[in-house]
């Protein structure tokens, strides 16, 4: 099996591997700093460099793996009630996203998601705030949308992040909650992918090669958290969402 993994990696062009490594490093930094953003950043370049369904699997594997070392940095600030509500919706709808990926291409799915997300992020950057308080139903619904997007395009972050940024959430609590939520939903979606979409060593081989650089980036990002204030965090988060999704849209047009 080890030889198969090496062969899968060796089959990729050197230029592709270099771009994958660089993308993983930057994606890890964003995940360590903000608690999200890595999937959005990786989606565009990886779909361009690798076959879309394999790219989605790689993103989910890396997202799930990087959650493990980040959990310790977020334990004391996590909002467990919110995590449970988000998961309730995500667990139900994520398998439908995986099934949708078999009907609708990852590129088309990512394009639709990116357009909606960029629009919402710009509205928040311009000062939009939720007028009504959050409710259990809203949080479960947002989790469901997040899970569906994760299964279909490997991107679970935008729906949850945009919803939380539109309300008065503490930035450290938000980061911690996102880290725990993504850790749980990514492992769940990975299992759904393996069951519903078949098993292949290729995504695991590429993920294994990329993970050390993603881990290094995440640790560097974690060191910057203490120096980040709520306003900086919100700007970082929204600009990350807008930039990551615009990159994805441009990549799809160039492909």
Protein backbone atom coordinates (compact mmCIF):
# COMPACT_ATOMS: atom_id res chain seq x y z
CA UNK A 1 0.00 0.00 0.00
CA UNK A 2 2.89 2.37 0.82
CA UNK A 3 4.27 1.84 -2.70
CA UNK A 4 0.88 2.72 -4.18
CA UNK A 5 0.84 5.98 -2.18
CA UNK A 6 4.34 6.89 -3.40
CA UNK A 7 3.39 6.06 -6.99
CA UNK A 8 0.25 8.25 -6.79
CA UNK A 9 2.30 11.22 -5.59
CA UNK A 10 5.11 10.59 -8.10
CA UNK A 11 2.57 10.59 -10.93
CA UNK A 12 1.82 14.28 -10.32
CA UNK A 13 3.94 16.94 -12.08
CA UNK A 14 6.49 18.75 -9.88
CA UNK A 15 4.81 22.09 -10.59
CA UNK A 16 1.47 20.69 -9.38
CA UNK A 17 3.03 19.41 -6.16
CA UNK A 18 4.74 22.75 -5.47
CA UNK A 19 1.45 24.63 -5.92
CA UNK A 20 -0.38 22.12 -3.72
CA UNK A 21 2.24 22.49 -0.97
CA UNK A 22 2.14 26.30 -1.11
CA UNK A 23 -1.67 26.33 -1.06
CA UNK A 24 -1.68 23.97 1.94
CA UNK A 25 0.74 26.20 3.86
CA UNK A 26 -1.34 29.36 3.37
CA UNK A 27 -4.59 27.48 3.99
CA UNK A 28 -3.20 26.14 7.26
CA UNK A 29 -2.23 29.65 8.39
CA UNK A 30 -5.78 30.92 7.80
CA UNK A 31 -7.28 27.94 9.63
CA UNK A 32 -5.00 28.48 12.63
CA UNK A 33 -5.68 32.22 12.76
CA UNK A 34 -9.42 32.39 12.07
CA UNK A 35 -10.61 28.84 12.71
CA UNK A 36 -11.77 28.55 9.08
CA UNK A 37 -10.83 29.64 5.55
CA UNK A 38 -8.61 26.73 4.53
CA UNK A 39 -11.27 24.92 2.49
CA UNK A 40 -12.25 28.06 0.60
CA UNK A 41 -8.64 28.85 -0.23
CA UNK A 42 -7.82 25.30 -1.35
CA UNK A 43 -10.98 24.72 -3.41
CA UNK A 44 -10.08 26.92 -6.40
CA UNK A 45 -6.45 25.89 -6.97
CA UNK A 46 -7.05 22.19 -6.25
CA UNK A 47 -10.00 21.92 -8.62
CA UNK A 48 -7.75 23.47 -11.29
CA UNK A 49 -4.80 21.17 -10.55
CA UNK A 50 -6.59 17.87 -9.88
CA UNK A 51 -9.78 16.14 -11.04
CA UNK A 52 -12.65 17.86 -9.14
CA UNK A 53 -14.06 14.86 -7.25
CA UNK A 54 -10.57 13.92 -6.04
CA UNK A 55 -9.92 17.56 -5.10
CA UNK A 56 -13.06 17.62 -2.92
CA UNK A 57 -11.90 14.47 -1.13
CA UNK A 58 -8.41 15.94 -0.54
CA UNK A 59 -9.88 19.13 0.92
CA UNK A 60 -12.14 17.20 3.29
CA UNK A 61 -9.27 14.92 4.41
CA UNK A 62 -6.94 17.88 5.07
CA UNK A 63 -9.70 19.86 6.81
CA UNK A 64 -10.46 16.91 9.09
CA UNK A 65 -6.80 16.19 9.81
CA UNK A 66 -5.80 19.76 10.68
CA UNK A 67 -8.68 19.98 13.14
CA UNK A 68 -6.98 17.50 15.47
CA UNK A 69 -3.96 19.64 16.49
CA UNK A 70 -6.13 22.80 16.62
CA UNK A 71 -8.63 21.37 19.11
CA UNK A 72 -6.31 21.94 22.09
CA UNK A 73 -5.94 25.63 21.25
CA UNK A 74 -9.73 26.18 21.31
CA UNK A 75 -11.03 23.98 24.13
CA UNK A 76 -11.70 26.70 26.72
CA UNK A 77 -13.67 29.03 24.41
CA UNK A 78 -15.95 26.63 22.51
CA UNK A 79 -19.74 27.14 22.56
CA UNK A 80 -20.99 23.54 22.77
CA UNK A 81 -24.68 24.43 22.46
CA UNK A 82 -24.03 26.10 19.11
CA UNK A 83 -21.80 23.24 17.93
CA UNK A 84 -24.56 20.69 18.67
CA UNK A 85 -27.21 22.70 16.81
CA UNK A 86 -25.03 23.20 13.76
CA UNK A 87 -24.15 19.51 13.68
CA UNK A 88 -27.80 18.51 13.93
CA UNK A 89 -28.52 20.17 10.59
CA UNK A 90 -25.18 19.31 8.97
CA UNK A 91 -25.31 15.60 9.76
CA UNK A 92 -28.72 15.31 8.11
CA UNK A 93 -27.95 17.19 4.87
CA UNK A 94 -24.25 16.38 4.25
CA UNK A 95 -24.97 12.99 2.58
CA UNK A 96 -27.37 14.75 0.19
CA UNK A 97 -24.51 17.07 -0.77
CA UNK A 98 -22.31 14.06 -1.54
CA UNK A 99 -25.09 12.60 -3.70
CA UNK A 100 -25.55 15.97 -5.44
CA UNK A 101 -21.84 15.93 -6.33
CA UNK A 102 -22.49 12.82 -8.43
CA UNK A 103 -25.16 14.67 -10.42
CA UNK A 104 -23.74 18.21 -10.47
CA UNK A 105 -20.02 18.75 -11.08
CA UNK A 106 -17.87 20.09 -8.27
CA UNK A 107 -17.01 23.06 -10.50
CA UNK A 108 -20.64 24.04 -11.09
CA UNK A 109 -21.50 23.52 -7.43
CA UNK A 110 -18.55 25.60 -6.30
CA UNK A 111 -19.48 28.36 -8.75
CA UNK A 112 -23.02 28.70 -7.41
CA UNK A 113 -21.86 28.60 -3.78
CA UNK A 114 -19.09 31.15 -4.42
CA UNK A 115 -21.44 33.69 -6.05
CA UNK A 116 -23.88 33.54 -3.16
CA UNK A 117 -21.14 33.68 -0.54
CA UNK A 118 -19.31 36.65 -2.09
CA UNK A 119 -22.57 38.62 -2.23
CA UNK A 120 -23.33 37.91 1.43
CA UNK A 121 -19.76 38.67 2.54
CA UNK A 122 -19.73 42.05 0.79
CA UNK A 123 -23.03 42.92 2.48
CA UNK A 124 -21.50 42.16 5.89
CA UNK A 125 -18.34 44.10 5.06
CA UNK A 126 -20.57 47.08 4.27
CA UNK A 127 -22.12 46.89 7.73
CA UNK A 128 -25.09 44.52 7.51
CA UNK A 129 -26.17 43.04 10.88
CA UNK A 130 -28.89 40.57 11.81
CA UNK A 131 -31.88 42.41 13.27
CA UNK A 132 -33.41 39.38 14.93
CA UNK A 133 -31.79 37.24 17.60
CA UNK A 134 -30.50 33.79 16.75
CA UNK A 135 -32.77 30.81 17.37
CA UNK A 136 -32.34 27.05 17.50
CA UNK A 137 -34.15 26.63 14.18
CA UNK A 138 -31.90 29.18 12.46
CA UNK A 139 -28.73 27.55 13.80
CA UNK A 140 -29.87 24.06 12.76
CA UNK A 141 -30.77 25.41 9.30
CA UNK A 142 -27.38 27.10 8.89
CA UNK A 143 -25.70 23.85 9.91
CA UNK A 144 -27.74 22.00 7.29
CA UNK A 145 -26.68 24.39 4.53
CA UNK A 146 -23.06 24.09 5.69
CA UNK A 147 -23.17 20.28 5.66
CA UNK A 148 -24.75 20.21 2.19
CA UNK A 149 -22.07 22.56 0.80
CA UNK A 150 -19.33 20.46 2.40
CA UNK A 151 -20.60 17.26 0.84
CA UNK A 152 -21.08 18.86 -2.58
CA UNK A 153 -17.98 21.07 -2.86
CA UNK A 154 -15.79 20.43 0.21
CA UNK A 155 -16.59 23.90 1.58
CA UNK A 156 -18.49 23.94 4.87
CA UNK A 157 -17.31 27.27 6.27
CA UNK A 158 -19.07 30.18 4.51
CA UNK A 159 -22.69 29.59 5.63
CA UNK A 160 -21.71 29.23 9.30
CA UNK A 161 -19.09 31.99 9.31
CA UNK A 162 -21.34 34.52 7.57
CA UNK A 163 -24.19 33.76 9.94
CA UNK A 164 -22.03 34.16 13.05
CA UNK A 165 -20.36 37.33 11.74
CA UNK A 166 -23.77 38.93 11.24
CA UNK A 167 -24.42 38.74 15.00
CA UNK A 168 -22.71 39.83 18.22
CA UNK A 169 -20.44 36.81 18.77
CA UNK A 170 -17.12 37.02 20.63
CA UNK A 171 -14.32 36.42 18.12
CA UNK A 172 -12.42 33.93 20.29
CA UNK A 173 -15.59 31.96 21.00
CA UNK A 174 -16.45 32.02 17.32
CA UNK A 175 -13.01 30.72 16.33
CA UNK A 176 -13.12 27.93 18.91
CA UNK A 177 -16.66 26.92 17.98
CA UNK A 178 -15.76 26.79 14.28
CA UNK A 179 -12.69 24.63 14.97
CA UNK A 180 -14.73 22.04 16.89
CA UNK A 181 -17.66 22.13 14.47
CA UNK A 182 -15.41 21.66 11.44
CA UNK A 183 -13.50 18.87 13.14
CA UNK A 184 -16.69 16.87 13.68
CA UNK A 185 -18.46 17.63 10.38
CA UNK A 186 -15.36 17.05 8.24
CA UNK A 187 -14.79 13.57 9.64
CA UNK A 188 -18.47 12.82 9.11
CA UNK A 189 -18.42 14.05 5.50
CA UNK A 190 -15.22 12.08 4.87
CA UNK A 191 -17.00 8.92 6.00
CA UNK A 192 -19.96 9.78 3.74
CA UNK A 193 -17.62 10.28 0.78
CA UNK A 194 -15.97 6.91 1.35
CA UNK A 195 -19.31 5.13 1.65
CA UNK A 196 -21.27 6.87 -1.11
CA UNK A 197 -18.54 7.81 -3.60
CA UNK A 198 -16.12 4.88 -3.33
CA UNK A 199 -12.61 4.48 -1.91
CA UNK A 200 -9.43 5.68 -3.62
CA UNK A 201 -5.88 5.99 -2.33
CA UNK A 202 -5.10 9.06 -4.45
CA UNK A 203 -6.73 11.69 -2.15
CA UNK A 204 -5.07 10.14 0.90
CA UNK A 205 -1.67 10.10 -0.82
CA UNK A 206 -1.83 13.78 -1.77
CA UNK A 207 -3.22 14.74 1.65
CA UNK A 208 -0.39 12.89 3.39
CA UNK A 209 2.17 14.84 1.35
CA UNK A 210 0.45 18.21 1.95
CA UNK A 211 -0.40 17.85 5.64
CA UNK A 212 3.03 18.74 7.18
CA UNK A 213 2.99 22.12 5.45
CA UNK A 214 -0.63 22.73 6.39
CA UNK A 215 0.19 21.88 10.02
CA UNK A 216 3.15 24.31 9.98
CA UNK A 217 0.93 27.08 8.62
CA UNK A 218 -1.75 26.36 11.23
CA UNK A 219 0.74 26.61 14.10
CA UNK A 220 1.98 29.97 12.77
CA UNK A 221 -1.61 31.18 12.51
CA UNK A 222 -2.37 30.12 16.10
CA UNK A 223 0.47 32.33 17.36
CA UNK A 224 -1.21 35.38 15.82
CA UNK A 225 -4.59 34.85 17.53
CA UNK A 226 -3.63 36.60 20.79
CA UNK A 227 -2.74 39.78 18.91
CA UNK A 228 -6.00 39.88 16.94
CA UNK A 229 -8.87 42.10 18.14
CA UNK A 230 -12.57 41.54 17.23
CA UNK A 231 -12.62 44.16 14.46
CA UNK A 232 -9.47 42.78 12.87
CA UNK A 233 -10.89 39.26 13.11
CA UNK A 234 -14.10 40.26 11.32
CA UNK A 235 -12.22 42.03 8.54
CA UNK A 236 -9.83 39.08 8.18
CA UNK A 237 -12.73 36.65 8.05
CA UNK A 238 -14.76 38.55 5.46
CA UNK A 239 -11.79 39.37 3.24
CA UNK A 240 -10.72 35.73 3.39
CA UNK A 241 -14.18 34.62 2.31
CA UNK A 242 -14.37 37.15 -0.54
CA UNK A 243 -10.82 36.49 -1.79
CA UNK A 244 -11.09 32.71 -1.54
CA UNK A 245 -14.36 32.54 -3.42
CA UNK A 246 -13.31 35.01 -6.11
CA UNK A 247 -10.22 32.85 -6.70
CA UNK A 248 -12.50 29.81 -7.02
CA UNK A 249 -14.70 31.61 -9.57
CA UNK A 250 -11.72 32.76 -11.62
CA UNK A 251 -10.20 29.27 -11.56
CA UNK A 252 -13.43 27.72 -12.83
CA UNK A 253 -13.54 30.23 -15.71
CA UNK A 254 -9.92 29.51 -16.64
CA UNK A 255 -10.25 25.73 -16.47
